[in-house]
Amino acid sequence: MLFTLRTRRPLEAAQLSAMAQSVGYLLSAAGPPLFGALYDAAGHFLPPLVLLLAVCAAMIVFGLGAARDKYVDDEVA
């Protein structure tokens, strides 16, 4: 629904959805190996959990930006 609310035409919605899902899947694929590497390096869960909190904070910031009442093509023009 987010993509259709931020675009005016179906093609724009499809393009925005493809871009967001591609970036999202790439970032989410890096999460478990990074979490494991941080745990292996530190020997405890504090650094990976701090990373998760930082990611959550970034998600809040980007989510608030995505919730603005603007269309995608308004940003380009």
N, C-alpha and C. Protein backbone atom coordinates (compact mmCIF):
# COMPACT_ATOMS: atom_id res chain seq x y z
N MET A 1 0.82 -1.19 0.00
CA MET A 1 0.00 0.00 0.00
C MET A 1 0.87 1.26 0.00
N LEU A 2 2.01 1.20 0.68
CA LEU A 2 2.90 2.37 0.75
C LEU A 2 3.30 2.83 -0.65
N PHE A 3 3.59 1.88 -1.53
CA PHE A 3 4.06 2.25 -2.87
C PHE A 3 2.94 2.90 -3.69
N THR A 4 1.73 2.40 -3.55
CA THR A 4 0.64 3.00 -4.31
C THR A 4 0.24 4.37 -3.76
N LEU A 5 0.46 4.59 -2.46
CA LEU A 5 0.15 5.90 -1.88
C LEU A 5 1.19 6.95 -2.23
N ARG A 6 2.37 6.52 -2.63
CA ARG A 6 3.45 7.46 -2.92
C ARG A 6 3.67 7.69 -4.42
N THR A 7 2.86 7.07 -5.25
CA THR A 7 3.01 7.22 -6.70
C THR A 7 1.66 7.58 -7.32
N ARG A 8 1.73 8.06 -8.53
CA ARG A 8 0.50 8.43 -9.24
C ARG A 8 0.14 7.45 -10.35
N ARG A 9 1.11 6.69 -10.82
CA ARG A 9 0.88 5.77 -11.94
C ARG A 9 1.33 4.36 -11.56
N PRO A 10 0.69 3.34 -12.13
CA PRO A 10 1.06 1.96 -11.81
C PRO A 10 2.53 1.62 -12.11
N LEU A 11 3.07 2.16 -13.19
CA LEU A 11 4.46 1.88 -13.53
C LEU A 11 5.40 2.44 -12.45
N GLU A 12 5.10 3.62 -11.95
CA GLU A 12 5.92 4.19 -10.87
C GLU A 12 5.83 3.32 -9.61
N ALA A 13 4.65 2.81 -9.31
CA ALA A 13 4.48 1.95 -8.14
C ALA A 13 5.30 0.68 -8.29
N ALA A 14 5.29 0.10 -9.48
CA ALA A 14 6.07 -1.12 -9.73
C ALA A 14 7.57 -0.84 -9.61
N GLN A 15 8.02 0.28 -10.16
CA GLN A 15 9.44 0.62 -10.08
C GLN A 15 9.87 0.89 -8.64
N LEU A 16 9.06 1.62 -7.89
CA LEU A 16 9.39 1.91 -6.50
C LEU A 16 9.40 0.63 -5.67
N SER A 17 8.44 -0.24 -5.91
CA SER A 17 8.38 -1.51 -5.19
C SER A 17 9.60 -2.37 -5.49
N ALA A 18 9.99 -2.45 -6.76
CA ALA A 18 11.15 -3.24 -7.14
C ALA A 18 12.43 -2.70 -6.50
N MET A 19 12.59 -1.40 -6.51
CA MET A 19 13.79 -0.81 -5.91
C MET A 19 13.83 -1.05 -4.41
N ALA A 20 12.71 -0.79 -3.73
CA ALA A 20 12.67 -0.95 -2.27
C ALA A 20 12.87 -2.40 -1.86
N GLN A 21 12.27 -3.32 -2.57
CA GLN A 21 12.42 -4.73 -2.22
C GLN A 21 13.83 -5.23 -2.52
N SER A 22 14.43 -4.77 -3.60
CA SER A 22 15.79 -5.18 -3.92
C SER A 22 16.76 -4.72 -2.84
N VAL A 23 16.67 -3.47 -2.47
CA VAL A 23 17.55 -2.93 -1.43
C VAL A 23 17.26 -3.62 -0.10
N GLY A 24 16.01 -3.82 0.22
CA GLY A 24 15.63 -4.46 1.47
C GLY A 24 16.16 -5.88 1.59
N TYR A 25 16.03 -6.65 0.52
CA TYR A 25 16.52 -8.03 0.56
C TYR A 25 18.04 -8.07 0.64
N LEU A 26 18.73 -7.18 -0.05
CA LEU A 26 20.19 -7.15 0.04
C LEU A 26 20.66 -6.81 1.46
N LEU A 27 20.01 -5.83 2.07
CA LEU A 27 20.38 -5.47 3.44
C LEU A 27 20.04 -6.59 4.43
N SER A 28 18.88 -7.20 4.25
CA SER A 28 18.49 -8.26 5.19
C SER A 28 19.34 -9.51 5.03
N ALA A 29 19.86 -9.76 3.84
CA ALA A 29 20.74 -10.91 3.65
C ALA A 29 22.07 -10.72 4.36
N ALA A 30 22.49 -9.49 4.53
CA ALA A 30 23.77 -9.22 5.20
C ALA A 30 23.63 -9.28 6.72
N GLY A 31 22.43 -9.23 7.25
CA GLY A 31 22.22 -9.17 8.69
C GLY A 31 22.73 -10.37 9.47
N PRO A 32 22.28 -11.58 9.18
CA PRO A 32 22.74 -12.73 9.97
C PRO A 32 24.25 -12.96 9.95
N PRO A 33 24.92 -12.89 8.78
CA PRO A 33 26.38 -13.05 8.82
C PRO A 33 27.08 -11.95 9.62
N LEU A 34 26.59 -10.72 9.51
CA LEU A 34 27.19 -9.63 10.27
C LEU A 34 26.96 -9.81 11.76
N PHE A 35 25.76 -10.22 12.14
CA PHE A 35 25.44 -10.48 13.54
C PHE A 35 26.36 -11.57 14.09
N GLY A 36 26.54 -12.65 13.33
CA GLY A 36 27.41 -13.74 13.75
C GLY A 36 28.87 -13.33 13.83
N ALA A 37 29.32 -12.54 12.88
CA ALA A 37 30.71 -12.09 12.89
C ALA A 37 30.98 -11.18 14.09
N LEU A 38 30.03 -10.30 14.40
CA LEU A 38 30.19 -9.45 15.58
C LEU A 38 30.21 -10.27 16.87
N TYR A 39 29.35 -11.27 16.93
CA TYR A 39 29.34 -12.13 18.11
C TYR A 39 30.66 -12.90 18.24
N ASP A 40 31.16 -13.46 17.13
CA ASP A 40 32.42 -14.19 17.15
C ASP A 40 33.58 -13.28 17.56
N ALA A 41 33.59 -12.06 17.06
CA ALA A 41 34.69 -11.15 17.35
C ALA A 41 34.67 -10.70 18.82
N ALA A 42 33.48 -10.46 19.36
CA ALA A 42 33.38 -9.92 20.71
C ALA A 42 33.28 -11.02 21.77
N GLY A 43 32.71 -12.14 21.39
CA GLY A 43 32.53 -13.21 22.36
C GLY A 43 31.28 -13.08 23.22
N HIS A 44 30.50 -12.04 22.98
CA HIS A 44 29.24 -11.87 23.69
C HIS A 44 28.28 -11.11 22.80
N PHE A 45 27.04 -10.96 23.26
CA PHE A 45 25.99 -10.43 22.40
C PHE A 45 25.83 -8.91 22.44
N LEU A 46 26.59 -8.21 23.22
CA LEU A 46 26.39 -6.76 23.32
C LEU A 46 26.61 -6.02 21.99
N PRO A 47 27.73 -6.23 21.28
CA PRO A 47 27.90 -5.50 20.01
C PRO A 47 26.82 -5.82 18.97
N PRO A 48 26.43 -7.09 18.78
CA PRO A 48 25.35 -7.34 17.81
C PRO A 48 24.02 -6.69 18.22
N LEU A 49 23.74 -6.67 19.51
CA LEU A 49 22.49 -6.06 19.96
C LEU A 49 22.52 -4.54 19.81
N VAL A 50 23.69 -3.94 20.00
CA VAL A 50 23.83 -2.50 19.75
C VAL A 50 23.61 -2.22 18.26
N LEU A 51 24.14 -3.10 17.41
CA LEU A 51 23.91 -2.95 15.97
C LEU A 51 22.41 -3.02 15.66
N LEU A 52 21.70 -3.95 16.27
CA LEU A 52 20.26 -4.06 16.05
C LEU A 52 19.53 -2.80 16.50
N LEU A 53 19.94 -2.24 17.62
CA LEU A 53 19.32 -0.99 18.07
C LEU A 53 19.59 0.16 17.09
N ALA A 54 20.80 0.20 16.55
CA ALA A 54 21.12 1.23 15.56
C ALA A 54 20.29 1.05 14.29
N VAL A 55 20.12 -0.19 13.87
CA VAL A 55 19.30 -0.46 12.68
C VAL A 55 17.85 -0.07 12.95
N CYS A 56 17.35 -0.36 14.14
CA CYS A 56 15.98 0.03 14.49
C CYS A 56 15.82 1.55 14.48
N ALA A 57 16.81 2.26 14.99
CA ALA A 57 16.75 3.73 14.97
C ALA A 57 16.74 4.25 13.54
N ALA A 58 17.57 3.65 12.68
CA ALA A 58 17.58 4.06 11.27
C ALA A 58 16.24 3.76 10.61
N MET A 59 15.63 2.63 10.95
CA MET A 59 14.32 2.29 10.39
C MET A 59 13.26 3.30 10.80
N ILE A 60 13.34 3.79 12.03
CA ILE A 60 12.39 4.81 12.48
C ILE A 60 12.56 6.09 11.66
N VAL A 61 13.80 6.50 11.47
CA VAL A 61 14.06 7.73 10.70
C VAL A 61 13.57 7.59 9.27
N PHE A 62 13.91 6.47 8.61
CA PHE A 62 13.47 6.28 7.23
C PHE A 62 11.96 6.07 7.14
N GLY A 63 11.38 5.43 8.13
CA GLY A 63 9.93 5.23 8.14
C GLY A 63 9.19 6.55 8.25
N LEU A 64 9.69 7.44 9.10
CA LEU A 64 9.06 8.76 9.20
C LEU A 64 9.20 9.53 7.90
N GLY A 65 10.33 9.38 7.23
CA GLY A 65 10.50 10.02 5.92
C GLY A 65 9.55 9.45 4.88
N ALA A 66 9.34 8.15 4.92
CA ALA A 66 8.43 7.51 3.96
C ALA A 66 6.97 7.84 4.25
N ALA A 67 6.66 8.22 5.48
CA ALA A 67 5.28 8.51 5.86
C ALA A 67 4.84 9.93 5.49
N ARG A 68 5.77 10.74 4.98
CA ARG A 68 5.39 12.10 4.59
C ARG A 68 4.32 12.06 3.51
N ASP A 69 3.52 13.09 3.43
CA ASP A 69 2.46 13.16 2.43
C ASP A 69 3.00 13.77 1.14
N LYS A 70 3.87 13.02 0.46
CA LYS A 70 4.46 13.48 -0.80
C LYS A 70 4.46 12.32 -1.78
N TYR A 71 4.48 12.67 -3.06
CA TYR A 71 4.61 11.68 -4.11
C TYR A 71 6.04 11.58 -4.56
N VAL A 72 6.40 10.45 -5.15
CA VAL A 72 7.77 10.21 -5.60
C VAL A 72 8.18 11.23 -6.64
N ASP A 73 7.31 11.53 -7.61
CA ASP A 73 7.68 12.46 -8.66
C ASP A 73 7.74 13.91 -8.17
N ASP A 74 7.20 14.23 -6.99
CA ASP A 74 7.34 15.56 -6.41
C ASP A 74 8.80 15.83 -6.04
N GLU A 75 9.53 14.78 -5.66
CA GLU A 75 10.92 14.93 -5.26
C GLU A 75 11.80 15.25 -6.46
N VAL A 76 11.48 14.71 -7.62
CA VAL A 76 12.30 14.90 -8.83
C VAL A 76 12.08 16.27 -9.43
N ALA A 77 10.85 16.74 -9.42
CA ALA A 77 10.51 18.01 -10.07
C ALA A 77 11.01 19.22 -9.36
